[in-house]
N, C-alpha and C. Protein backbone atom coordinates (compact mmCIF):
# COMPACT_ATOMS: atom_id res chain seq x y z
N UNK A 1 15.02 2.13 -1.23
CA UNK A 1 13.76 1.52 -0.83
C UNK A 1 13.38 0.51 -1.91
N UNK A 2 13.09 -0.69 -1.48
CA UNK A 2 12.67 -1.75 -2.40
C UNK A 2 11.26 -2.16 -2.00
N UNK A 3 10.33 -2.08 -2.96
CA UNK A 3 8.94 -2.45 -2.72
C UNK A 3 8.59 -3.60 -3.65
N UNK A 4 8.00 -4.64 -3.11
CA UNK A 4 7.54 -5.76 -3.91
C UNK A 4 6.02 -5.83 -3.75
N UNK A 5 5.33 -5.81 -4.87
CA UNK A 5 3.87 -5.97 -4.86
C UNK A 5 3.53 -7.35 -5.36
N UNK A 6 2.74 -8.08 -4.60
CA UNK A 6 2.26 -9.39 -5.01
C UNK A 6 0.76 -9.27 -5.15
N UNK A 7 0.29 -9.36 -6.38
CA UNK A 7 -1.13 -9.18 -6.66
C UNK A 7 -1.80 -10.47 -7.14
N UNK A 8 -1.16 -11.58 -6.94
CA UNK A 8 -1.68 -12.83 -7.48
C UNK A 8 -2.74 -13.46 -6.59
N UNK A 9 -3.65 -14.15 -7.21
CA UNK A 9 -4.66 -14.91 -6.49
C UNK A 9 -5.58 -14.09 -5.60
N UNK A 10 -5.76 -12.81 -5.95
CA UNK A 10 -6.64 -11.97 -5.15
C UNK A 10 -6.01 -11.48 -3.86
N UNK A 11 -4.78 -11.88 -3.58
CA UNK A 11 -4.08 -11.43 -2.39
C UNK A 11 -3.15 -10.30 -2.76
N UNK A 12 -3.30 -9.18 -2.08
CA UNK A 12 -2.45 -8.03 -2.32
C UNK A 12 -1.51 -7.91 -1.14
N UNK A 13 -0.22 -8.03 -1.42
CA UNK A 13 0.79 -7.93 -0.37
C UNK A 13 1.82 -6.90 -0.78
N UNK A 14 2.12 -5.99 0.13
CA UNK A 14 3.19 -5.03 -0.08
C UNK A 14 4.32 -5.42 0.86
N UNK A 15 5.46 -5.78 0.30
CA UNK A 15 6.63 -6.18 1.09
C UNK A 15 7.74 -5.19 0.80
N UNK A 16 8.34 -4.66 1.87
CA UNK A 16 9.41 -3.68 1.72
C UNK A 16 10.68 -4.19 2.40
N UNK A 17 11.79 -3.69 1.96
CA UNK A 17 13.07 -4.15 2.50
C UNK A 17 13.38 -3.52 3.86
N UNK A 18 12.90 -2.32 4.11
CA UNK A 18 13.23 -1.61 5.34
C UNK A 18 12.69 -2.32 6.58
N UNK A 19 13.46 -2.23 7.66
CA UNK A 19 12.98 -2.73 8.95
C UNK A 19 12.49 -1.59 9.81
N UNK A 20 12.95 -0.38 9.56
CA UNK A 20 12.51 0.80 10.30
C UNK A 20 11.67 1.67 9.38
N UNK A 21 10.36 1.50 9.43
CA UNK A 21 9.47 2.25 8.54
C UNK A 21 9.12 3.62 9.10
N UNK A 22 9.68 3.97 10.27
CA UNK A 22 9.39 5.28 10.86
C UNK A 22 10.43 6.33 10.46
N UNK A 23 11.47 5.94 9.75
CA UNK A 23 12.48 6.93 9.36
C UNK A 23 11.95 7.79 8.22
N UNK A 24 12.54 8.96 8.08
CA UNK A 24 12.13 9.94 7.09
C UNK A 24 12.28 9.40 5.67
N UNK A 25 11.31 9.72 4.85
CA UNK A 25 11.35 9.32 3.44
C UNK A 25 11.87 10.48 2.61
N UNK A 26 12.96 10.28 1.93
CA UNK A 26 13.52 11.28 1.02
C UNK A 26 13.83 12.60 1.73
N UNK A 27 14.15 12.56 3.01
CA UNK A 27 14.50 13.76 3.76
C UNK A 27 13.32 14.67 4.07
N UNK A 28 12.12 14.17 3.90
CA UNK A 28 10.92 14.99 4.12
C UNK A 28 10.27 14.63 5.45
N UNK A 29 9.12 15.25 5.72
CA UNK A 29 8.38 14.97 6.95
C UNK A 29 7.65 13.64 6.89
N UNK A 30 7.45 13.13 5.68
CA UNK A 30 6.80 11.83 5.56
C UNK A 30 7.72 10.72 6.03
N UNK A 31 7.13 9.70 6.60
CA UNK A 31 7.89 8.51 6.98
C UNK A 31 7.79 7.50 5.85
N UNK A 32 8.67 6.52 5.85
CA UNK A 32 8.58 5.45 4.86
C UNK A 32 7.22 4.76 4.94
N UNK A 33 6.72 4.60 6.16
CA UNK A 33 5.40 3.99 6.37
C UNK A 33 4.35 4.73 5.54
N UNK A 34 4.38 6.06 5.56
CA UNK A 34 3.41 6.87 4.81
C UNK A 34 3.52 6.62 3.31
N UNK A 35 4.75 6.51 2.83
CA UNK A 35 4.98 6.24 1.40
C UNK A 35 4.43 4.86 1.03
N UNK A 36 4.62 3.89 1.90
CA UNK A 36 4.12 2.54 1.64
C UNK A 36 2.59 2.51 1.58
N UNK A 37 1.95 3.19 2.53
CA UNK A 37 0.49 3.24 2.54
C UNK A 37 -0.01 3.95 1.28
N UNK A 38 0.68 5.03 0.89
CA UNK A 38 0.30 5.75 -0.33
C UNK A 38 0.36 4.84 -1.55
N UNK A 39 1.35 3.96 -1.60
CA UNK A 39 1.46 3.02 -2.72
C UNK A 39 0.25 2.09 -2.76
N UNK A 40 -0.21 1.64 -1.59
CA UNK A 40 -1.41 0.79 -1.54
C UNK A 40 -2.62 1.54 -2.10
N UNK A 41 -2.75 2.81 -1.73
CA UNK A 41 -3.86 3.62 -2.26
C UNK A 41 -3.73 3.81 -3.76
N UNK A 42 -2.51 4.05 -4.24
CA UNK A 42 -2.29 4.25 -5.67
C UNK A 42 -2.70 3.03 -6.48
N UNK A 43 -2.28 1.86 -6.05
CA UNK A 43 -2.60 0.63 -6.78
C UNK A 43 -4.09 0.32 -6.68
N UNK A 44 -4.67 0.52 -5.50
CA UNK A 44 -6.11 0.28 -5.34
C UNK A 44 -6.91 1.21 -6.24
N UNK A 45 -6.55 2.48 -6.26
CA UNK A 45 -7.25 3.45 -7.10
C UNK A 45 -7.16 3.05 -8.57
N UNK A 46 -5.98 2.65 -9.01
CA UNK A 46 -5.79 2.22 -10.40
C UNK A 46 -6.66 1.01 -10.72
N UNK A 47 -6.67 0.03 -9.83
CA UNK A 47 -7.51 -1.16 -10.03
C UNK A 47 -8.98 -0.78 -10.12
N UNK A 48 -9.41 0.10 -9.25
CA UNK A 48 -10.82 0.50 -9.22
C UNK A 48 -11.21 1.26 -10.49
N UNK A 49 -10.27 1.96 -11.10
CA UNK A 49 -10.55 2.65 -12.36
C UNK A 49 -10.72 1.64 -13.49
N UNK A 50 -9.94 0.58 -13.44
CA UNK A 50 -10.02 -0.45 -14.48
C UNK A 50 -11.21 -1.38 -14.28
N UNK A 51 -11.56 -1.64 -13.04
CA UNK A 51 -12.66 -2.55 -12.71
C UNK A 51 -13.63 -1.79 -11.80
N UNK A 52 -14.59 -1.06 -12.37
CA UNK A 52 -15.45 -0.17 -11.58
C UNK A 52 -16.20 -0.85 -10.43
N UNK A 53 -16.52 -2.11 -10.56
CA UNK A 53 -17.26 -2.81 -9.50
C UNK A 53 -16.33 -3.59 -8.57
N UNK A 54 -15.07 -3.22 -8.53
CA UNK A 54 -14.08 -3.97 -7.74
C UNK A 54 -14.40 -3.95 -6.24
N UNK A 55 -14.95 -2.85 -5.76
CA UNK A 55 -15.29 -2.77 -4.35
C UNK A 55 -14.13 -2.33 -3.47
N UNK A 56 -12.94 -2.75 -3.78
CA UNK A 56 -11.76 -2.37 -3.00
C UNK A 56 -10.77 -3.51 -2.92
N UNK A 57 -9.76 -3.32 -2.10
CA UNK A 57 -8.70 -4.30 -1.96
C UNK A 57 -8.32 -4.47 -0.50
N UNK A 58 -7.93 -5.68 -0.15
CA UNK A 58 -7.37 -5.95 1.16
C UNK A 58 -5.87 -6.14 0.97
N UNK A 59 -5.10 -5.41 1.76
CA UNK A 59 -3.65 -5.43 1.66
C UNK A 59 -3.03 -6.04 2.90
N UNK A 60 -1.97 -6.80 2.70
CA UNK A 60 -1.12 -7.28 3.79
C UNK A 60 0.20 -6.55 3.64
N UNK A 61 0.65 -5.94 4.70
CA UNK A 61 1.84 -5.10 4.68
C UNK A 61 2.91 -5.76 5.53
N UNK A 62 4.09 -5.97 4.91
CA UNK A 62 5.21 -6.63 5.60
C UNK A 62 6.49 -5.83 5.37
N UNK A 63 7.28 -5.67 6.40
CA UNK A 63 8.57 -4.98 6.32
C UNK A 63 9.69 -6.00 6.52
N UNK A 64 10.94 -5.51 6.46
CA UNK A 64 12.08 -6.40 6.69
C UNK A 64 12.12 -7.57 5.73
N UNK A 65 11.83 -7.30 4.45
CA UNK A 65 11.78 -8.35 3.42
C UNK A 65 10.79 -9.45 3.77
N UNK A 66 9.72 -9.08 4.43
CA UNK A 66 8.64 -10.02 4.73
C UNK A 66 8.66 -10.59 6.13
N UNK A 67 9.67 -10.28 6.91
CA UNK A 67 9.81 -10.87 8.25
C UNK A 67 8.99 -10.15 9.33
N UNK A 68 8.60 -8.88 9.06
CA UNK A 68 7.88 -8.08 10.06
C UNK A 68 6.47 -7.81 9.55
N UNK A 69 5.48 -8.36 10.23
CA UNK A 69 4.08 -8.14 9.85
C UNK A 69 3.65 -6.77 10.35
N UNK A 70 3.23 -5.91 9.42
CA UNK A 70 2.85 -4.54 9.75
C UNK A 70 1.34 -4.34 9.82
N UNK A 71 0.58 -5.31 9.35
CA UNK A 71 -0.86 -5.19 9.46
C UNK A 71 -1.59 -5.50 8.16
N UNK A 72 -2.90 -5.48 8.29
CA UNK A 72 -3.80 -5.73 7.17
C UNK A 72 -4.66 -4.48 7.00
N UNK A 73 -4.83 -4.03 5.76
CA UNK A 73 -5.57 -2.82 5.48
C UNK A 73 -6.62 -3.09 4.42
N UNK A 74 -7.82 -2.62 4.66
CA UNK A 74 -8.90 -2.71 3.66
C UNK A 74 -9.11 -1.31 3.10
N UNK A 75 -8.88 -1.16 1.82
CA UNK A 75 -9.08 0.13 1.15
C UNK A 75 -10.18 -0.05 0.12
N UNK A 76 -11.32 0.58 0.34
CA UNK A 76 -12.40 0.45 -0.63
C UNK A 76 -12.23 1.48 -1.74
N UNK A 77 -12.91 1.26 -2.85
CA UNK A 77 -12.75 2.11 -4.02
C UNK A 77 -13.16 3.55 -3.76
N UNK A 78 -14.19 3.76 -2.97
CA UNK A 78 -14.62 5.13 -2.69
C UNK A 78 -13.55 5.89 -1.92
N UNK A 79 -12.95 5.25 -0.91
CA UNK A 79 -11.90 5.89 -0.15
C UNK A 79 -10.68 6.17 -1.02
N UNK A 80 -10.30 5.21 -1.86
CA UNK A 80 -9.17 5.40 -2.76
C UNK A 80 -9.42 6.56 -3.70
N UNK A 81 -10.63 6.68 -4.20
CA UNK A 81 -10.99 7.79 -5.08
C UNK A 81 -10.97 9.12 -4.33
N UNK A 82 -11.51 9.14 -3.12
CA UNK A 82 -11.52 10.37 -2.33
C UNK A 82 -10.11 10.86 -2.06
N UNK A 83 -9.22 9.95 -1.72
CA UNK A 83 -7.82 10.30 -1.43
C UNK A 83 -7.13 10.79 -2.71
N UNK A 84 -7.36 10.12 -3.82
CA UNK A 84 -6.73 10.50 -5.09
C UNK A 84 -7.19 11.88 -5.54
N UNK A 85 -8.42 12.23 -5.25
CA UNK A 85 -8.97 13.51 -5.68
C UNK A 85 -8.74 14.65 -4.69
N UNK A 86 -8.13 14.33 -3.56
CA UNK A 86 -7.89 15.36 -2.54
C UNK A 86 -6.61 16.11 -2.80
């Protein structure tokens, strides 16, 4: 699995090499998609810890080395914190 994070210019983009994000991750019940979303939460949570008034992050998610648009996600700091503490 190859993940590229682009955090420049206020744009957060997660680009992955896989084209099939529904396959099992590491032989577990989680899908690759779940692992990718978790990475977005991890980075957002870290940012919010460093910048308390950050408010959150908007992510653009792309698969297939950027060729497949998977969606846009808004993760606010409160949600990132709630997930991290769960």
